[in-house]
Protein backbone atom coordinates (compact mmCIF):
# COMPACT_ATOMS: atom_id res chain seq x y z
CA UNK A 1 0.00 0.00 0.00
CA UNK A 2 1.04 3.61 -0.20
CA UNK A 3 0.06 6.88 1.42
CA UNK A 4 0.71 10.39 0.10
CA UNK A 5 0.96 13.07 2.75
CA UNK A 6 0.00 16.73 2.57
CA UNK A 7 3.49 17.61 1.34
CA UNK A 8 3.18 15.18 -1.57
CA UNK A 9 5.57 12.66 -0.05
CA UNK A 10 4.64 9.09 -0.92
CA UNK A 11 5.24 6.49 1.77
CA UNK A 12 5.11 2.80 0.89
CA UNK A 13 4.07 0.27 3.51
CA UNK A 14 2.80 -3.29 4.02
CA UNK A 15 0.17 -4.47 6.49
CA UNK A 16 -0.15 -8.13 7.46
CA UNK A 17 -1.80 -10.35 10.04
CA UNK A 18 -4.48 -9.37 12.51
CA UNK A 19 -4.95 -8.73 16.21
CA UNK A 20 -4.39 -6.00 18.78
CA UNK A 21 -2.34 -4.18 19.62
CA UNK A 22 -0.92 -3.51 16.16
CA UNK A 23 2.87 -3.46 15.89
CA UNK A 24 4.71 -1.04 13.61
CA UNK A 25 8.26 -1.99 12.59
CA UNK A 26 10.62 0.81 11.54
CA UNK A 27 13.97 0.16 9.82
CA UNK A 28 17.23 2.06 10.30
CA UNK A 29 19.43 4.52 8.39
CA UNK A 30 20.01 3.40 4.82
CA UNK A 31 17.71 0.40 5.16
CA UNK A 32 14.17 -0.43 4.09
CA UNK A 33 11.20 -2.44 5.30
CA UNK A 34 12.79 -5.76 4.30
CA UNK A 35 15.22 -5.28 7.21
CA UNK A 36 12.42 -6.08 9.68
CA UNK A 37 11.01 -9.01 7.68
CA UNK A 38 11.75 -11.72 10.29
CA UNK A 39 9.78 -9.75 12.91
CA UNK A 40 6.88 -9.04 10.56
CA UNK A 41 6.71 -12.74 9.74
CA UNK A 42 6.80 -13.82 13.39
CA UNK A 43 4.34 -11.33 14.88
CA UNK A 44 1.79 -11.39 12.04
CA UNK A 45 0.49 -14.62 13.58
CA UNK A 46 -1.12 -12.74 16.47
CA UNK A 47 -0.97 -9.05 15.65
CA UNK A 48 -1.71 -6.64 12.83
CA UNK A 49 1.80 -5.67 11.73
CA UNK A 50 2.87 -2.73 9.59
CA UNK A 51 6.29 -2.10 8.05
CA UNK A 52 7.08 1.00 6.01
CA UNK A 53 9.88 2.54 4.01
CA UNK A 54 10.81 5.86 5.62
CA UNK A 55 11.05 8.90 3.36
CA UNK A 56 14.36 8.86 1.51
CA UNK A 57 14.51 5.07 1.76
CA UNK A 58 13.33 2.03 -0.19
CA UNK A 59 10.33 2.66 -2.43
CA UNK A 60 9.13 5.81 -0.63
CA UNK A 61 9.65 9.35 -1.96
CA UNK A 62 13.16 10.74 -1.74
CA UNK A 63 12.68 14.49 -1.26
CA UNK A 64 15.79 16.64 -1.49
CA UNK A 65 17.07 17.53 1.98
CA UNK A 66 15.65 20.93 2.89
CA UNK A 67 15.09 22.63 6.21
CA UNK A 68 14.36 19.82 8.71
CA UNK A 69 13.23 17.58 5.87
CA UNK A 70 14.71 14.52 7.58
CA UNK A 71 14.44 15.54 11.23
CA UNK A 72 13.58 12.73 13.65
CA UNK A 73 10.27 14.38 14.56
CA UNK A 74 9.44 14.77 10.84
CA UNK A 75 10.09 11.05 10.27
CA UNK A 76 7.98 10.29 13.34
CA UNK A 77 5.13 12.39 11.91
CA UNK A 78 5.37 10.30 8.72
CA UNK A 79 5.04 7.09 10.73
CA UNK A 80 1.96 8.41 12.56
CA UNK A 81 0.41 9.47 9.24
CA UNK A 82 0.88 5.96 7.82
CA UNK A 83 -0.49 4.40 11.02
CA UNK A 84 -3.60 6.57 10.71
CA UNK A 85 -3.97 5.84 6.97
CA UNK A 86 -3.87 2.11 7.77
CA UNK A 87 -6.61 2.58 10.38
CA UNK A 88 -4.42 1.51 13.31
CA UNK A 89 -4.53 3.03 16.77
CA UNK A 90 -1.86 3.28 19.47
CA UNK A 91 0.46 0.63 18.04
CA UNK A 92 3.50 -0.83 19.69
CA UNK A 93 6.46 0.66 17.83
CA UNK A 94 9.55 -1.48 17.27
CA UNK A 95 12.42 0.42 15.68
CA UNK A 96 15.91 -0.65 14.66
CA UNK A 97 18.74 1.86 14.98
CA UNK A 98 17.36 5.15 13.52
CA UNK A 99 13.90 3.57 13.90
CA UNK A 100 14.42 3.48 17.67
CA UNK A 101 14.99 7.26 17.71
CA UNK A 102 11.77 7.73 15.75
CA UNK A 103 10.07 5.56 18.36
CA UNK A 104 11.52 7.72 21.15
CA UNK A 105 10.00 10.79 19.53
CA UNK A 106 6.61 9.05 19.65
CA UNK A 107 7.08 7.57 23.13
CA UNK A 108 7.30 11.12 24.48
CA UNK A 109 4.00 12.10 22.80
CA UNK A 110 0.99 11.20 24.96
CA UNK A 111 -1.30 8.65 23.31
CA UNK A 112 0.79 8.08 20.16
CA UNK A 113 2.00 4.54 20.88
CA UNK A 114 1.36 1.92 23.55
CA UNK A 115 4.94 0.65 23.99
CA UNK A 116 8.40 1.11 22.47
CA UNK A 117 10.89 -1.57 21.47
CA UNK A 118 14.34 -0.26 20.55
CA UNK A 119 16.43 -2.75 18.57
CA UNK A 120 20.13 -1.85 18.82
CA UNK A 121 19.21 1.83 18.92
CA UNK A 122 21.34 4.55 17.35
CA UNK A 123 23.20 6.76 19.85
CA UNK A 124 20.83 8.13 22.52
CA UNK A 125 22.94 8.65 25.63
CA UNK A 126 26.31 8.23 23.85
CA UNK A 127 27.36 11.85 23.35
CA UNK A 128 30.73 10.87 21.86
CA UNK A 129 29.03 8.88 19.09
CA UNK A 130 26.56 11.71 18.45
CA UNK A 131 29.45 14.16 18.15
CA UNK A 132 31.14 11.82 15.64
CA UNK A 133 27.92 11.73 13.61
CA UNK A 134 27.79 15.54 13.49
CA UNK A 135 31.48 15.77 12.55
CA UNK A 136 30.91 13.28 9.70
CA UNK A 137 27.94 15.00 8.01
CA UNK A 138 30.08 16.86 5.47
CA UNK A 139 32.07 13.72 4.64
CA UNK A 140 28.86 11.79 4.00
CA UNK A 141 27.42 14.59 1.86
CA UNK A 142 30.58 14.41 -0.28
CA UNK A 143 30.61 10.60 -0.39
CA UNK A 144 29.85 10.26 -4.09
CA UNK A 145 32.33 7.39 -4.45
CA UNK A 146 30.60 5.61 -1.52
CA UNK A 147 33.90 4.93 0.26
CA UNK A 148 33.00 6.57 3.59
CA UNK A 149 29.66 4.79 3.84
CA UNK A 150 31.09 1.45 2.70
CA UNK A 151 33.68 1.62 5.46
CA UNK A 152 31.01 2.62 8.00
CA UNK A 153 28.76 -0.26 6.88
CA UNK A 154 31.54 -2.81 7.39
CA UNK A 155 31.63 -1.73 11.03
CA UNK A 156 28.03 -2.88 11.51
CA UNK A 157 29.10 -6.53 11.54
CA UNK A 158 30.91 -8.98 13.77
CA UNK A 159 33.35 -11.24 11.87
CA UNK A 160 30.91 -14.09 12.52
CA UNK A 161 27.82 -12.32 11.13
CA UNK A 162 26.57 -13.82 7.87
CA UNK A 163 22.94 -12.83 7.21
CA UNK A 164 22.65 -10.39 4.28
CA UNK A 165 26.11 -9.07 5.13
CA UNK A 166 27.46 -8.46 1.60
CA UNK A 167 24.10 -7.17 0.42
CA UNK A 168 23.89 -4.61 3.24
CA UNK A 169 27.50 -3.45 2.80
CA UNK A 170 26.75 -2.89 -0.90
CA UNK A 171 23.28 -1.43 -0.39
CA UNK A 172 23.89 0.96 2.50
CA UNK A 173 26.15 3.35 0.49
CA UNK A 174 23.97 3.17 -2.62
CA UNK A 175 21.51 5.82 -1.46
CA UNK A 176 21.71 9.54 -2.21
CA UNK A 177 24.61 11.00 -0.18
CA UNK A 178 22.69 14.21 0.50
CA UNK A 179 19.81 12.29 2.06
CA UNK A 180 22.22 10.08 4.00
CA UNK A 181 23.93 13.20 5.37
CA UNK A 182 20.60 14.78 6.35
CA UNK A 183 19.59 11.66 8.29
CA UNK A 184 23.01 11.48 9.99
CA UNK A 185 22.66 15.14 11.00
CA UNK A 186 19.18 14.44 12.39
CA UNK A 187 20.47 11.54 14.49
CA UNK A 188 23.36 13.62 15.81
CA UNK A 189 21.08 16.52 16.76
CA UNK A 190 18.22 14.51 18.29
CA UNK A 191 17.90 14.76 22.08
CA UNK A 192 17.32 11.05 22.58
CA UNK A 193 18.14 11.10 26.28
CA UNK A 194 15.59 13.87 26.81
CA UNK A 195 12.92 11.99 24.86
CA UNK A 196 13.70 8.77 26.75
CA UNK A 197 13.34 10.56 30.08
CA UNK A 198 9.88 11.76 28.97
CA UNK A 199 8.65 8.39 27.68
CA UNK A 200 5.12 7.72 28.92
CA UNK A 201 4.97 4.06 27.78
CA UNK A 202 6.91 0.87 28.60
CA UNK A 203 10.30 0.74 26.86
CA UNK A 204 12.51 -2.23 25.94
CA UNK A 205 16.01 -1.82 24.53
CA UNK A 206 17.74 -4.81 22.90
CA UNK A 207 21.46 -4.30 22.35
CA UNK A 208 23.87 -6.02 19.99
CA UNK A 209 27.24 -7.43 21.02
CA UNK A 210 28.57 -3.84 21.05
CA UNK A 211 25.63 -1.52 21.77
CA UNK A 212 26.00 2.20 21.13
CA UNK A 213 24.36 3.04 24.47
CA UNK A 214 25.35 1.65 27.86
CA UNK A 215 22.61 -0.02 29.88
CA UNK A 216 23.46 2.17 32.87
CA UNK A 217 23.05 5.37 30.84
CA UNK A 218 19.73 4.23 29.39
CA UNK A 219 18.49 3.29 32.86
CA UNK A 220 19.59 6.66 34.25
CA UNK A 221 17.37 8.38 31.66
CA UNK A 222 14.46 5.94 32.12
CA UNK A 223 14.55 3.93 35.37
CA UNK A 224 11.70 1.65 34.25
CA UNK A 225 13.41 0.58 31.00
CA UNK A 226 13.80 -3.13 30.30
CA UNK A 227 17.23 -4.04 28.93
CA UNK A 228 18.00 -7.03 26.76
CA UNK A 229 21.12 -8.02 24.87
CA UNK A 230 21.47 -10.38 21.96
CA UNK A 231 24.30 -12.91 21.93
CA UNK A 232 26.66 -13.27 18.99
CA UNK A 233 25.42 -10.54 16.68
CA UNK A 234 26.52 -7.18 15.37
CA UNK A 235 24.18 -4.28 14.62
CA UNK A 236 21.58 -6.19 12.57
CA UNK A 237 20.43 -8.37 15.45
CA UNK A 238 16.91 -8.64 14.07
CA UNK A 239 18.28 -10.34 10.94
CA UNK A 240 21.23 -12.25 12.40
CA UNK A 241 19.54 -13.72 15.50
CA UNK A 242 15.79 -13.15 14.93
CA UNK A 243 14.84 -15.95 17.30
CA UNK A 244 16.52 -14.20 20.21
CA UNK A 245 15.09 -10.80 19.29
CA UNK A 246 11.55 -12.07 18.68
CA UNK A 247 11.54 -13.95 21.99
CA UNK A 248 12.63 -10.84 23.91
CA UNK A 249 10.02 -8.67 22.22
CA UNK A 250 7.33 -11.29 22.84
CA UNK A 251 8.20 -11.58 26.55
CA UNK A 252 8.23 -7.80 26.96
CA UNK A 253 4.80 -7.48 25.33
CA UNK A 254 3.44 -10.33 27.47
CA UNK A 255 4.73 -8.68 30.66
CA UNK A 256 2.88 -5.50 29.68
CA UNK A 257 -0.35 -7.35 28.75
CA UNK A 258 0.15 -6.51 25.06
CA UNK A 259 0.53 -10.10 23.85
CA UNK A 260 -1.07 -13.40 24.81
CA UNK A 261 1.41 -16.27 24.68
CA UNK A 262 0.59 -19.10 22.30
């Protein structure tokens, strides 16, 4: 399906399954909705699930980066617009990397979502990593030969990671460098710790083998947060070890009366 917003931006999405609460899966920087396919497949058995391509990604519109055109709150508004167009209400939002920041924006808005799952979130409390993102914006904007982004993409993986590895390393730098730079700038500027401290819904964070945010820092911002960590996987935990990730999400939803086991 697709939805065209007031600004003429077309957002492509899929809806599958049935059952409440609905779950919306949001991919990360340089990805697309196929990057959450194992979760869509698993949870469609008991829930209505929606996965979309964010603006600038996948099959959705790729507007030129203008003033705040790729800000985290702008991307979050897009997600809410698609949720409304699909007739869903107060979904659980599960976001990988950049998608987790989009979820944080919504978790701080009363009534927008019913719970937040962050899957190896982009830097939230890690100010050093955020500073590196901001310092790298110009390099990414100039990355027409894809070398900067190819090198960055290689760092997503443990030596033992195998799932879609070559495809992701080739695909991540293939996007428009101006859009990639705008998204990187948005991640660097977003006050994730502030949003996390204002979250009004239950929050789960699932880290990779080397998470960008320390559990202690996340807990300092949100004392009620539930922390999980996947074993034996780099950044794309939802693809590399989907069984672990799906089980953690399922348990978290069950604990919060958002999923009935079996």
